[in-house]
PDB file of N, CA and C in Angstrom:
ATOM      1  N   MET A   1      52.397 237.989 -20.100  1.00  0.00           N
ATOM      2  CA  MET A   1      53.483 238.730 -20.685  1.00  0.00           C
ATOM      3  C   MET A   1      53.436 238.546 -22.200  1.00  0.00           C
ATOM      4  N   VAL A   2      53.615 239.618 -22.916  1.00  0.00           N
ATOM      5  CA  VAL A   2      53.648 239.573 -24.372  1.00  0.00           C
ATOM      6  C   VAL A   2      55.074 239.860 -24.822  1.00  0.00           C
ATOM      7  N   ALA A   3      55.662 238.928 -25.560  1.00  0.00           N
ATOM      8  CA  ALA A   3      56.978 239.125 -26.149  1.00  0.00           C
ATOM      9  C   ALA A   3      56.780 239.427 -27.625  1.00  0.00           C
ATOM     10  N   ALA A   4      57.473 240.427 -28.102  1.00  0.00           N
ATOM     11  CA  ALA A   4      57.409 240.773 -29.525  1.00  0.00           C
ATOM     12  C   ALA A   4      58.824 241.045 -29.999  1.00  0.00           C
ATOM     13  N   CYS A   5      59.099 240.694 -31.242  1.00  0.00           N
ATOM     14  CA  CYS A   5      60.430 240.972 -31.754  1.00  0.00           C
ATOM     15  C   CYS A   5      60.593 242.485 -31.889  1.00  0.00           C
ATOM     16  N   PRO A   6      61.834 242.958 -31.834  1.00  0.00           N
ATOM     17  CA  PRO A   6      62.047 244.403 -31.895  1.00  0.00           C
ATOM     18  C   PRO A   6      61.804 244.991 -33.278  1.00  0.00           C
ATOM     19  N   GLY A   7      61.674 244.132 -34.259  1.00  0.00           N
ATOM     20  CA  GLY A   7      61.472 244.621 -35.624  1.00  0.00           C
ATOM     21  C   GLY A   7      62.799 244.740 -36.347  1.00  0.00           C
ATOM     22  N   CYS A   8      62.734 244.594 -37.648  1.00  0.00           N
ATOM     23  CA  CYS A   8      63.915 244.711 -38.492  1.00  0.00           C
ATOM     24  C   CYS A   8      63.425 245.035 -39.894  1.00  0.00           C
ATOM     25  N   GLY A   9      64.266 244.888 -40.881  1.00  0.00           N
ATOM     26  CA  GLY A   9      63.874 245.167 -42.252  1.00  0.00           C
ATOM     27  C   GLY A   9      62.759 244.270 -42.757  1.00  0.00           C
ATOM     28  N   ARG A  10      62.596 243.105 -42.129  1.00  0.00           N
ATOM     29  CA  ARG A  10      61.538 242.183 -42.544  1.00  0.00           C
ATOM     30  C   ARG A  10      60.192 242.559 -41.941  1.00  0.00           C
ATOM     31  N   THR A  11      60.189 243.398 -40.903  1.00  0.00           N
ATOM     32  CA  THR A  11      58.943 243.725 -40.205  1.00  0.00           C
ATOM     33  C   THR A  11      58.522 245.171 -40.443  1.00  0.00           C
ATOM     34  N   THR A  12      58.687 245.636 -41.653  1.00  0.00           N
ATOM     35  CA  THR A  12      58.297 247.011 -41.950  1.00  0.00           C
ATOM     36  C   THR A  12      56.786 247.160 -42.046  1.00  0.00           C
ATOM     37  N   SER A  13      56.084 246.054 -42.074  1.00  0.00           N
ATOM     38  CA  SER A  13      54.628 246.077 -42.135  1.00  0.00           C
ATOM     39  C   SER A  13      54.059 246.714 -40.872  1.00  0.00           C
ATOM     40  N   THR A  14      53.120 247.624 -41.050  1.00  0.00           N
ATOM     41  CA  THR A  14      52.481 248.225 -39.879  1.00  0.00           C
ATOM     42  C   THR A  14      51.560 247.223 -39.199  1.00  0.00           C
ATOM     43  N   LEU A  15      51.149 246.165 -39.897  1.00  0.00           N
ATOM     44  CA  LEU A  15      50.295 245.137 -39.303  1.00  0.00           C
ATOM     45  C   LEU A  15      50.956 244.538 -38.065  1.00  0.00           C
ATOM     46  N   PHE A  16      52.232 244.212 -38.156  1.00  0.00           N
ATOM     47  CA  PHE A  16      52.949 243.637 -37.020  1.00  0.00           C
ATOM     48  C   PHE A  16      52.953 244.608 -35.842  1.00  0.00           C
ATOM     49  N   GLN A  17      53.313 245.853 -36.092  1.00  0.00           N
ATOM     50  CA  GLN A  17      53.383 246.848 -35.019  1.00  0.00           C
ATOM     51  C   GLN A  17      52.016 247.067 -34.388  1.00  0.00           C
ATOM     52  N   GLU A  18      50.995 247.148 -35.217  1.00  0.00           N
ATOM     53  CA  GLU A  18      49.637 247.364 -34.707  1.00  0.00           C
ATOM     54  C   GLU A  18      49.152 246.161 -33.905  1.00  0.00           C
ATOM     55  N   LEU A  19      49.402 244.947 -34.405  1.00  0.00           N
ATOM     56  CA  LEU A  19      48.948 243.753 -33.694  1.00  0.00           C
ATOM     57  C   LEU A  19      49.669 243.606 -32.358  1.00  0.00           C
ATOM     58  N   ALA A  20      50.969 243.837 -32.336  1.00  0.00           N
ATOM     59  CA  ALA A  20      51.713 243.724 -31.079  1.00  0.00           C
ATOM     60  C   ALA A  20      51.139 244.679 -30.035  1.00  0.00           C
ATOM     61  N   GLY A  21      50.878 245.919 -30.419  1.00  0.00           N
ATOM     62  CA  GLY A  21      50.296 246.888 -29.492  1.00  0.00           C
ATOM     63  C   GLY A  21      48.889 246.520 -29.076  1.00  0.00           C
ATOM     64  N   GLU A  22      48.093 246.062 -30.026  1.00  0.00           N
ATOM     65  CA  GLU A  22      46.704 245.703 -29.738  1.00  0.00           C
ATOM     66  C   GLU A  22      46.623 244.495 -28.801  1.00  0.00           C
ATOM     67  N   VAL A  23      47.484 243.510 -29.010  1.00  0.00           N
ATOM     68  CA  VAL A  23      47.499 242.336 -28.137  1.00  0.00           C
ATOM     69  C   VAL A  23      47.959 242.730 -26.735  1.00  0.00           C
ATOM     70  N   GLN A  24      48.988 243.566 -26.655  1.00  0.00           N
ATOM     71  CA  GLN A  24      49.469 244.028 -25.347  1.00  0.00           C
ATOM     72  C   GLN A  24      48.353 244.756 -24.599  1.00  0.00           C
ATOM     73  N   ASP A  25      47.657 245.651 -25.271  1.00  0.00           N
ATOM     74  CA  ASP A  25      46.550 246.387 -24.646  1.00  0.00           C
ATOM     75  C   ASP A  25      45.430 245.441 -24.214  1.00  0.00           C
ATOM     76  N   PHE A  26      45.114 244.464 -25.056  1.00  0.00           N
ATOM     77  CA  PHE A  26      44.064 243.490 -24.753  1.00  0.00           C
ATOM     78  C   PHE A  26      44.414 242.692 -23.500  1.00  0.00           C
ATOM     79  N   VAL A  27      45.644 242.199 -23.438  1.00  0.00           N
ATOM     80  CA  VAL A  27      46.067 241.392 -22.296  1.00  0.00           C
ATOM     81  C   VAL A  27      46.079 242.242 -21.021  1.00  0.00           C
ATOM     82  N   ARG A  28      46.565 243.462 -21.112  1.00  0.00           N
ATOM     83  CA  ARG A  28      46.557 244.353 -19.939  1.00  0.00           C
ATOM     84  C   ARG A  28      45.137 244.610 -19.447  1.00  0.00           C
ATOM     85  N   ALA A  29      44.211 244.779 -20.359  1.00  0.00           N
ATOM     86  CA  ALA A  29      42.820 245.049 -19.981  1.00  0.00           C
ATOM     87  C   ALA A  29      42.144 243.811 -19.390  1.00  0.00           C
ATOM     88  N   LYS A  30      42.446 242.638 -19.932  1.00  0.00           N
ATOM     89  CA  LYS A  30      41.777 241.405 -19.507  1.00  0.00           C
ATOM     90  C   LYS A  30      42.430 240.730 -18.296  1.00  0.00           C
ATOM     91  N   MET A  31      43.708 240.975 -18.068  1.00  0.00           N
ATOM     92  CA  MET A  31      44.432 240.242 -17.030  1.00  0.00           C
ATOM     93  C   MET A  31      43.834 240.394 -15.632  1.00  0.00           C
ATOM     94  N   PRO A  32      43.375 241.570 -15.204  1.00  0.00           N
ATOM     95  CA  PRO A  32      42.755 241.626 -13.871  1.00  0.00           C
ATOM     96  C   PRO A  32      41.569 240.663 -13.741  1.00  0.00           C
ATOM     97  N   GLU A  33      40.747 240.580 -14.766  1.00  0.00           N
ATOM     98  CA  GLU A  33      39.607 239.653 -14.762  1.00  0.00           C
ATOM     99  C   GLU A  33      40.089 238.203 -14.773  1.00  0.00           C
ATOM    100  N   TRP A  34      41.066 237.904 -15.628  1.00  0.00           N
ATOM    101  CA  TRP A  34      41.585 236.539 -15.703  1.00  0.00           C
ATOM    102  C   TRP A  34      42.199 236.114 -14.377  1.00  0.00           C
ATOM    103  N   LYS A  35      42.981 237.002 -13.751  1.00  0.00           N
ATOM    104  CA  LYS A  35      43.606 236.667 -12.469  1.00  0.00           C
ATOM    105  C   LYS A  35      42.554 236.402 -11.401  1.00  0.00           C
ATOM    106  N   LEU A  36      41.463 237.116 -11.469  1.00  0.00           N
ATOM    107  CA  LEU A  36      40.381 236.953 -10.501  1.00  0.00           C
ATOM    108  C   LEU A  36      39.670 235.610 -10.675  1.00  0.00           C
ATOM    109  N   HIS A  37      39.543 235.147 -11.910  1.00  0.00           N
ATOM    110  CA  HIS A  37      38.736 233.959 -12.201  1.00  0.00           C
ATOM    111  C   HIS A  37      39.523 232.693 -12.549  1.00  0.00           C
ATOM    112  N   TYR A  38      40.798 232.811 -12.928  1.00  0.00           N
ATOM    113  CA  TYR A  38      41.551 231.646 -13.397  1.00  0.00           C
ATOM    114  C   TYR A  38      42.915 231.564 -12.715  1.00  0.00           C
ATOM    115  N   ASP A  39      43.157 230.476 -11.997  1.00  0.00           N
ATOM    116  CA  ASP A  39      44.456 230.256 -11.368  1.00  0.00           C
ATOM    117  C   ASP A  39      45.541 230.098 -12.424  1.00  0.00           C
ATOM    118  N   GLY A  40      46.607 230.852 -12.296  1.00  0.00           N
ATOM    119  CA  GLY A  40      47.760 230.721 -13.172  1.00  0.00           C
ATOM    120  C   GLY A  40      47.736 231.552 -14.435  1.00  0.00           C
ATOM    121  N   ALA A  41      46.638 232.219 -14.723  1.00  0.00           N
ATOM    122  CA  ALA A  41      46.551 232.996 -15.967  1.00  0.00           C
ATOM    123  C   ALA A  41      47.624 234.079 -16.037  1.00  0.00           C
ATOM    124  N   GLU A  42      48.037 234.579 -14.872  1.00  0.00           N
ATOM    125  CA  GLU A  42      49.049 235.643 -14.861  1.00  0.00           C
ATOM    126  C   GLU A  42      50.414 235.156 -15.327  1.00  0.00           C
ATOM    127  N   ASN A  43      50.604 233.845 -15.426  1.00  0.00           N
ATOM    128  CA  ASN A  43      51.875 233.282 -15.891  1.00  0.00           C
ATOM    129  C   ASN A  43      51.894 233.000 -17.388  1.00  0.00           C
ATOM    130  N   MET A  44      50.801 233.275 -18.066  1.00  0.00           N
ATOM    131  CA  MET A  44      50.705 233.013 -19.500  1.00  0.00           C
ATOM    132  C   MET A  44      51.705 233.887 -20.264  1.00  0.00           C
ATOM    133  N   THR A  45      52.352 233.279 -21.257  1.00  0.00           N
ATOM    134  CA  THR A  45      53.244 234.039 -22.125  1.00  0.00           C
ATOM    135  C   THR A  45      52.706 234.007 -23.551  1.00  0.00           C
ATOM    136  N   LEU A  46      52.824 235.138 -24.217  1.00  0.00           N
ATOM    137  CA  LEU A  46      52.384 235.263 -25.607  1.00  0.00           C
ATOM    138  C   LEU A  46      53.538 235.801 -26.435  1.00  0.00           C
ATOM    139  N   ALA A  47      53.603 235.370 -27.681  1.00  0.00           N
ATOM    140  CA  ALA A  47      54.614 235.869 -28.607  1.00  0.00           C
ATOM    141  C   ALA A  47      53.909 236.434 -29.833  1.00  0.00           C
ATOM    142  N   VAL A  48      54.254 237.660 -30.175  1.00  0.00           N
ATOM    143  CA  VAL A  48      53.754 238.288 -31.398  1.00  0.00           C
ATOM    144  C   VAL A  48      54.991 238.606 -32.227  1.00  0.00           C
ATOM    145  N   MET A  49      55.206 237.801 -33.251  1.00  0.00           N
ATOM    146  CA  MET A  49      56.436 237.896 -34.026  1.00  0.00           C
ATOM    147  C   MET A  49      56.150 238.407 -35.430  1.00  0.00           C
ATOM    148  N   GLY A  50      57.150 239.066 -36.024  1.00  0.00           N
ATOM    149  CA  GLY A  50      56.926 239.786 -37.263  1.00  0.00           C
ATOM    150  C   GLY A  50      57.333 239.113 -38.554  1.00  0.00           C
ATOM    151  N   CYS A  51      57.898 237.902 -38.507  1.00  0.00           N
ATOM    152  CA  CYS A  51      58.253 237.236 -39.764  1.00  0.00           C
ATOM    153  C   CYS A  51      58.477 235.752 -39.532  1.00  0.00           C
ATOM    154  N   ILE A  52      58.734 235.035 -40.611  1.00  0.00           N
ATOM    155  CA  ILE A  52      58.891 233.582 -40.519  1.00  0.00           C
ATOM    156  C   ILE A  52      60.298 233.146 -40.122  1.00  0.00           C
ATOM    157  N   VAL A  53      61.240 234.073 -39.976  1.00  0.00           N
ATOM    158  CA  VAL A  53      62.600 233.680 -39.614  1.00  0.00           C
ATOM    159  C   VAL A  53      62.650 233.199 -38.164  1.00  0.00           C
ATOM    160  N   ASN A  54      62.291 234.048 -37.227  1.00  0.00           N
ATOM    161  CA  ASN A  54      62.303 233.680 -35.808  1.00  0.00           C
ATOM    162  C   ASN A  54      60.908 233.454 -35.245  1.00  0.00           C
ATOM    163  N   GLY A  55      59.897 233.885 -35.960  1.00  0.00           N
ATOM    164  CA  GLY A  55      58.532 233.837 -35.452  1.00  0.00           C
ATOM    165  C   GLY A  55      58.045 232.479 -35.006  1.00  0.00           C
ATOM    166  N   PRO A  56      58.140 231.452 -35.844  1.00  0.00           N
ATOM    167  CA  PRO A  56      57.640 230.142 -35.416  1.00  0.00           C
ATOM    168  C   PRO A  56      58.370 229.588 -34.191  1.00  0.00           C
ATOM    169  N   GLY A  57      59.683 229.744 -34.130  1.00  0.00           N
ATOM    170  CA  GLY A  57      60.432 229.238 -32.975  1.00  0.00           C
ATOM    171  C   GLY A  57      60.038 229.932 -31.692  1.00  0.00           C
ATOM    172  N   GLU A  58      59.977 231.253 -31.731  1.00  0.00           N
ATOM    173  CA  GLU A  58      59.570 232.006 -30.542  1.00  0.00           C
ATOM    174  C   GLU A  58      58.126 231.686 -30.171  1.00  0.00           C
ATOM    175  N   SER A  59      57.277 231.557 -31.164  1.00  0.00           N
ATOM    176  CA  SER A  59      55.866 231.264 -30.904  1.00  0.00           C
ATOM    177  C   SER A  59      55.696 229.902 -30.248  1.00  0.00           C
ATOM    178  N   LYS A  60      56.524 228.939 -30.640  1.00  0.00           N
ATOM    179  CA  LYS A  60      56.430 227.596 -30.070  1.00  0.00           C
ATOM    180  C   LYS A  60      56.840 227.569 -28.601  1.00  0.00           C
ATOM    181  N   HIS A  61      57.661 228.519 -28.178  1.00  0.00           N
ATOM    182  CA  HIS A  61      58.121 228.550 -26.789  1.00  0.00           C
ATOM    183  C   HIS A  61      57.181 229.335 -25.880  1.00  0.00           C
ATOM    184  N   ALA A  62      56.175 229.965 -26.434  1.00  0.00           N
ATOM    185  CA  ALA A  62      55.185 230.703 -25.648  1.00  0.00           C
ATOM    186  C   ALA A  62      53.946 229.826 -25.475  1.00  0.00           C
ATOM    187  N   ASN A  63      53.090 230.203 -24.539  1.00  0.00           N
ATOM    188  CA  ASN A  63      51.812 229.495 -24.427  1.00  0.00           C
ATOM    189  C   ASN A  63      51.007 229.674 -25.706  1.00  0.00           C
ATOM    190  N   ILE A  64      50.982 230.900 -26.204  1.00  0.00           N
ATOM    191  CA  ILE A  64      50.303 231.208 -27.466  1.00  0.00           C
ATOM    192  C   ILE A  64      51.210 232.142 -28.251  1.00  0.00           C
ATOM    193  N   GLY A  65      51.360 231.879 -29.532  1.00  0.00           N
ATOM    194  CA  GLY A  65      52.185 232.745 -30.357  1.00  0.00           C
ATOM    195  C   GLY A  65      51.620 232.869 -31.753  1.00  0.00           C
ATOM    196  N   ILE A  66      51.937 233.986 -32.371  1.00  0.00           N
ATOM    197  CA  ILE A  66      51.531 234.224 -33.751  1.00  0.00           C
ATOM    198  C   ILE A  66      52.743 234.755 -34.496  1.00  0.00           C
ATOM    199  N   SER A  67      52.924 234.289 -35.705  1.00  0.00           N
ATOM    200  CA  SER A  67      54.032 234.713 -36.546  1.00  0.00           C
ATOM    201  C   SER A  67      53.456 235.375 -37.787  1.00  0.00           C
ATOM    202  N   LEU A  68      53.529 236.684 -37.805  1.00  0.00           N
ATOM    203  CA  LEU A  68      52.969 237.443 -38.924  1.00  0.00           C
ATOM    204  C   LEU A  68      53.892 237.395 -40.127  1.00  0.00           C
ATOM    205  N   PRO A  69      53.344 237.625 -41.301  1.00  0.00           N
ATOM    206  CA  PRO A  69      54.191 237.652 -42.491  1.00  0.00           C
ATOM    207  C   PRO A  69      55.080 238.884 -42.489  1.00  0.00           C
ATOM    208  N   GLY A  70      56.326 238.693 -42.876  1.00  0.00           N
ATOM    209  CA  GLY A  70      57.228 239.819 -43.048  1.00  0.00           C
ATOM    210  C   GLY A  70      57.042 240.413 -44.434  1.00  0.00           C
ATOM    211  N   THR A  71      57.803 241.430 -44.720  1.00  0.00           N
ATOM    212  CA  THR A  71      57.729 242.079 -46.016  1.00  0.00           C
ATOM    213  C   THR A  71      58.008 241.066 -47.123  1.00  0.00           C
ATOM    214  N   GLY A  72      57.121 240.961 -48.080  1.00  0.00           N
ATOM    215  CA  GLY A  72      57.293 240.068 -49.213  1.00  0.00           C
ATOM    216  C   GLY A  72      56.911 238.618 -48.957  1.00  0.00           C
ATOM    217  N   GLU A  73      56.463 238.299 -47.749  1.00  0.00           N
ATOM    218  CA  GLU A  73      56.069 236.924 -47.436  1.00  0.00           C
ATOM    219  C   GLU A  73      54.575 236.733 -47.678  1.00  0.00           C
ATOM    220  N   ALA A  74      54.176 235.482 -47.831  1.00  0.00           N
ATOM    221  CA  ALA A  74      52.758 235.163 -48.047  1.00  0.00           C
ATOM    222  C   ALA A  74      51.920 235.718 -46.897  1.00  0.00           C
ATOM    223  N   PRO A  75      50.758 236.283 -47.196  1.00  0.00           N
ATOM    224  CA  PRO A  75      49.925 236.914 -46.163  1.00  0.00           C
ATOM    225  C   PRO A  75      49.152 235.898 -45.316  1.00  0.00           C
ATOM    226  N   SER A  76      49.894 235.183 -44.486  1.00  0.00           N
ATOM    227  CA  SER A  76      49.256 234.243 -43.570  1.00  0.00           C
ATOM    228  C   SER A  76      50.018 234.275 -42.252  1.00  0.00           C
ATOM    229  N   ALA A  77      49.319 233.971 -41.160  1.00  0.00           N
ATOM    230  CA  ALA A  77      49.907 234.075 -39.830  1.00  0.00           C
ATOM    231  C   ALA A  77      49.624 232.799 -39.037  1.00  0.00           C
ATOM    232  N   PRO A  78      50.599 231.878 -38.973  1.00  0.00           N
ATOM    233  CA  PRO A  78      50.389 230.673 -38.183  1.00  0.00           C
ATOM    234  C   PRO A  78      50.311 230.995 -36.693  1.00  0.00           C
ATOM    235  N   VAL A  79      49.410 230.301 -36.007  1.00  0.00           N
ATOM    236  CA  VAL A  79      49.231 230.466 -34.565  1.00  0.00           C
ATOM    237  C   VAL A  79      49.653 229.161 -33.897  1.00  0.00           C
ATOM    238  N   PHE A  80      50.398 229.297 -32.805  1.00  0.00           N
ATOM    239  CA  PHE A  80      50.873 228.146 -32.045  1.00  0.00           C
ATOM    240  C   PHE A  80      50.291 228.204 -30.641  1.00  0.00           C
ATOM    241  N   GLU A  81      49.847 227.053 -30.146  1.00  0.00           N
ATOM    242  CA  GLU A  81      49.373 226.945 -28.769  1.00  0.00           C
ATOM    243  C   GLU A  81      50.136 225.798 -28.120  1.00  0.00           C
ATOM    244  N   ASP A  82      50.829 226.111 -27.035  1.00  0.00           N
ATOM    245  CA  ASP A  82      51.633 225.115 -26.320  1.00  0.00           C
ATOM    246  C   ASP A  82      52.561 224.355 -27.260  1.00  0.00           C
ATOM    247  N   GLY A  83      53.199 225.080 -28.160  1.00  0.00           N
ATOM    248  CA  GLY A  83      54.199 224.503 -29.044  1.00  0.00           C
ATOM    249  C   GLY A  83      53.689 223.853 -30.309  1.00  0.00           C
ATOM    250  N   GLU A  84      52.391 223.769 -30.469  1.00  0.00           N
ATOM    251  CA  GLU A  84      51.808 223.120 -31.644  1.00  0.00           C
ATOM    252  C   GLU A  84      51.080 224.135 -32.519  1.00  0.00           C
ATOM    253  N   LYS A  85      51.293 224.033 -33.823  1.00  0.00           N
ATOM    254  CA  LYS A  85      50.552 224.901 -34.739  1.00  0.00           C
ATOM    255  C   LYS A  85      49.093 224.461 -34.734  1.00  0.00           C
ATOM    256  N   THR A  86      48.188 225.416 -34.477  1.00  0.00           N
ATOM    257  CA  THR A  86      46.767 225.070 -34.377  1.00  0.00           C
ATOM    258  C   THR A  86      45.939 225.624 -35.523  1.00  0.00           C
ATOM    259  N   VAL A  87      46.352 226.741 -36.085  1.00  0.00           N
ATOM    260  CA  VAL A  87      45.566 227.378 -37.141  1.00  0.00           C
ATOM    261  C   VAL A  87      46.457 228.392 -37.853  1.00  0.00           C
ATOM    262  N   THR A  88      46.088 228.736 -39.063  1.00  0.00           N
ATOM    263  CA  THR A  88      46.738 229.823 -39.784  1.00  0.00           C
ATOM    264  C   THR A  88      45.677 230.870 -40.075  1.00  0.00           C
ATOM    265  N   LEU A  89      45.901 232.074 -39.574  1.00  0.00           N
ATOM    266  CA  LEU A  89      44.948 233.163 -39.782  1.00  0.00           C
ATOM    267  C   LEU A  89      45.305 233.923 -41.048  1.00  0.00           C
ATOM    268  N   LYS A  90      44.279 234.350 -41.767  1.00  0.00           N
ATOM    269  CA  LYS A  90      44.464 235.125 -42.997  1.00  0.00           C
ATOM    270  C   LYS A  90      43.388 236.190 -43.063  1.00  0.00           C
ATOM    271  N   GLY A  91      43.661 237.242 -43.801  1.00  0.00           N
ATOM    272  CA  GLY A  91      42.634 238.243 -44.052  1.00  0.00           C
ATOM    273  C   GLY A  91      42.719 239.466 -43.163  1.00  0.00           C
ATOM    274  N   GLU A  92      41.638 240.206 -43.161  1.00  0.00           N
ATOM    275  CA  GLU A  92      41.587 241.506 -42.504  1.00  0.00           C
ATOM    276  C   GLU A  92      41.323 241.431 -41.002  1.00  0.00           C
ATOM    277  N   ASN A  93      40.911 240.283 -40.498  1.00  0.00           N
ATOM    278  CA  ASN A  93      40.441 240.199 -39.117  1.00  0.00           C
ATOM    279  C   ASN A  93      41.400 239.427 -38.208  1.00  0.00           C
ATOM    280  N   ILE A  94      42.684 239.416 -38.550  1.00  0.00           N
ATOM    281  CA  ILE A  94      43.663 238.638 -37.789  1.00  0.00           C
ATOM    282  C   ILE A  94      43.688 239.057 -36.324  1.00  0.00           C
ATOM    283  N   ALA A  95      43.675 240.339 -36.041  1.00  0.00           N
ATOM    284  CA  ALA A  95      43.774 240.813 -34.652  1.00  0.00           C
ATOM    285  C   ALA A  95      42.616 240.301 -33.807  1.00  0.00           C
ATOM    286  N   ASN A  96      41.400 240.460 -34.286  1.00  0.00           N
ATOM    287  CA  ASN A  96      40.241 240.006 -33.511  1.00  0.00           C
ATOM    288  C   ASN A  96      40.216 238.490 -33.366  1.00  0.00           C
ATOM    289  N   GLU A  97      40.573 237.782 -34.421  1.00  0.00           N
ATOM    290  CA  GLU A  97      40.599 236.320 -34.347  1.00  0.00           C
ATOM    291  C   GLU A  97      41.652 235.853 -33.345  1.00  0.00           C
ATOM    292  N   PHE A  98      42.811 236.512 -33.340  1.00  0.00           N
ATOM    293  CA  PHE A  98      43.870 236.129 -32.407  1.00  0.00           C
ATOM    294  C   PHE A  98      43.453 236.422 -30.966  1.00  0.00           C
ATOM    295  N   LYS A  99      42.790 237.531 -30.731  1.00  0.00           N
ATOM    296  CA  LYS A  99      42.314 237.846 -29.377  1.00  0.00           C
ATOM    297  C   LYS A  99      41.273 236.818 -28.920  1.00  0.00           C
ATOM    298  N   GLN A 100      40.431 236.351 -29.825  1.00  0.00           N
ATOM    299  CA  GLN A 100      39.462 235.305 -29.470  1.00  0.00           C
ATOM    300  C   GLN A 100      40.173 234.001 -29.114  1.00  0.00           C
ATOM    301  N   ILE A 101      41.241 233.698 -29.832  1.00  0.00           N
ATOM    302  CA  ILE A 101      42.031 232.500 -29.535  1.00  0.00           C
ATOM    303  C   ILE A 101      42.629 232.610 -28.134  1.00  0.00           C
ATOM    304  N   ILE A 102      43.151 233.782 -27.797  1.00  0.00           N
ATOM    305  CA  ILE A 102      43.719 233.998 -26.462  1.00  0.00           C
ATOM    306  C   ILE A 102      42.643 233.792 -25.394  1.00  0.00           C
ATOM    307  N   GLU A 103      41.489 234.389 -25.605  1.00  0.00           N
ATOM    308  CA  GLU A 103      40.385 234.280 -24.642  1.00  0.00           C
ATOM    309  C   GLU A 103      39.977 232.813 -24.442  1.00  0.00           C
ATOM    310  N   ARG A 104      39.819 232.078 -25.527  1.00  0.00           N
ATOM    311  CA  ARG A 104      39.437 230.660 -25.425  1.00  0.00           C
ATOM    312  C   ARG A 104      40.533 229.837 -24.746  1.00  0.00           C
ATOM    313  N   TYR A 105      41.786 230.176 -25.027  1.00  0.00           N
ATOM    314  CA  TYR A 105      42.906 229.470 -24.406  1.00  0.00           C
ATOM    315  C   TYR A 105      42.854 229.624 -22.887  1.00  0.00           C
ATOM    316  N   VAL A 106      42.658 230.843 -22.423  1.00  0.00           N
ATOM    317  CA  VAL A 106      42.575 231.090 -20.976  1.00  0.00           C
ATOM    318  C   VAL A 106      41.441 230.271 -20.372  1.00  0.00           C
ATOM    319  N   GLU A 107      40.295 230.298 -21.015  1.00  0.00           N
ATOM    320  CA  GLU A 107      39.113 229.612 -20.480  1.00  0.00           C
ATOM    321  C   GLU A 107      39.285 228.098 -20.393  1.00  0.00           C
ATOM    322  N   ARG A 108      40.018 227.506 -21.323  1.00  0.00           N
ATOM    323  CA  ARG A 108      40.136 226.045 -21.300  1.00  0.00           C
ATOM    324  C   ARG A 108      41.431 225.548 -20.650  1.00  0.00           C
ATOM    325  N   THR A 109      42.404 226.434 -20.450  1.00  0.00           N
ATOM    326  CA  THR A 109      43.700 225.998 -19.947  1.00  0.00           C
ATOM    327  C   THR A 109      43.863 226.208 -18.448  1.00  0.00           C
ATOM    328  N   TYR A 110      43.388 227.322 -17.958  1.00  0.00           N
ATOM    329  CA  TYR A 110      43.610 227.650 -16.555  1.00  0.00           C
ATOM    330  C   TYR A 110      42.407 227.242 -15.713  1.00  0.00           C
ATOM    331  N   ILE A 111      42.690 226.826 -14.505  1.00  0.00           N
ATOM    332  CA  ILE A 111      41.649 226.318 -13.611  1.00  0.00           C
ATOM    333  C   ILE A 111      40.775 227.464 -13.123  1.00  0.00           C
ATOM    334  N   LYS A 112      39.497 227.309 -13.344  1.00  0.00           N
ATOM    335  CA  LYS A 112      38.539 228.325 -12.910  1.00  0.00           C
ATOM    336  C   LYS A 112      38.454 228.296 -11.389  1.00  0.00           C
ATOM    337  N   LYS A 113      38.601 229.467 -10.786  1.00  0.00           N
ATOM    338  CA  LYS A 113      38.535 229.570  -9.328  1.00  0.00           C
ATOM    339  C   LYS A 113      37.099 229.389  -8.865  1.00  0.00           C
ATOM    340  N   LEU A 114      36.959 228.743  -7.731  1.00  0.00           N
ATOM    341  CA  LEU A 114      35.640 228.558  -7.138  1.00  0.00           C
ATOM    342  C   LEU A 114      35.196 229.852  -6.482  1.00  0.00           C
ATOM    343  N   LYS A 115      33.919 230.153  -6.604  1.00  0.00           N
ATOM    344  CA  LYS A 115      33.377 231.341  -5.943  1.00  0.00           C
ATOM    345  C   LYS A 115      33.249 231.038  -4.460  1.00  0.00           C
ATOM    346  N   SER A 116      33.638 232.012  -3.638  1.00  0.00           N
ATOM    347  CA  SER A 116      33.530 231.788  -2.193  1.00  0.00           C
ATOM    348  C   SER A 116      32.393 232.558  -1.582  1.00  0.00           C
TER     349      SER A 116
END
């Protein structure tokens, strides 16, 4: 499940809207494969938040969360995994880097199902 803030005056950046949609599409596309290969992956929660006001708190309560910069904020996006800040993403490739983080999280967190 992907939780995203509804947006406000602080989230006028199209980056937030685009990332939230891209992450949702990525998870929808990957979830059938993850469910097939990893026990519990379907219970994973993700947070894609649009500013530093509520973003870090919501991100800490998800399995994986990202808090994008709001309007006028420094262009950096802290990522949280299981409540702990693990990295801050910057630059043009935030979406792809965040999707790679999600993929690695699934692979190391959920139990790989045995082939029958």
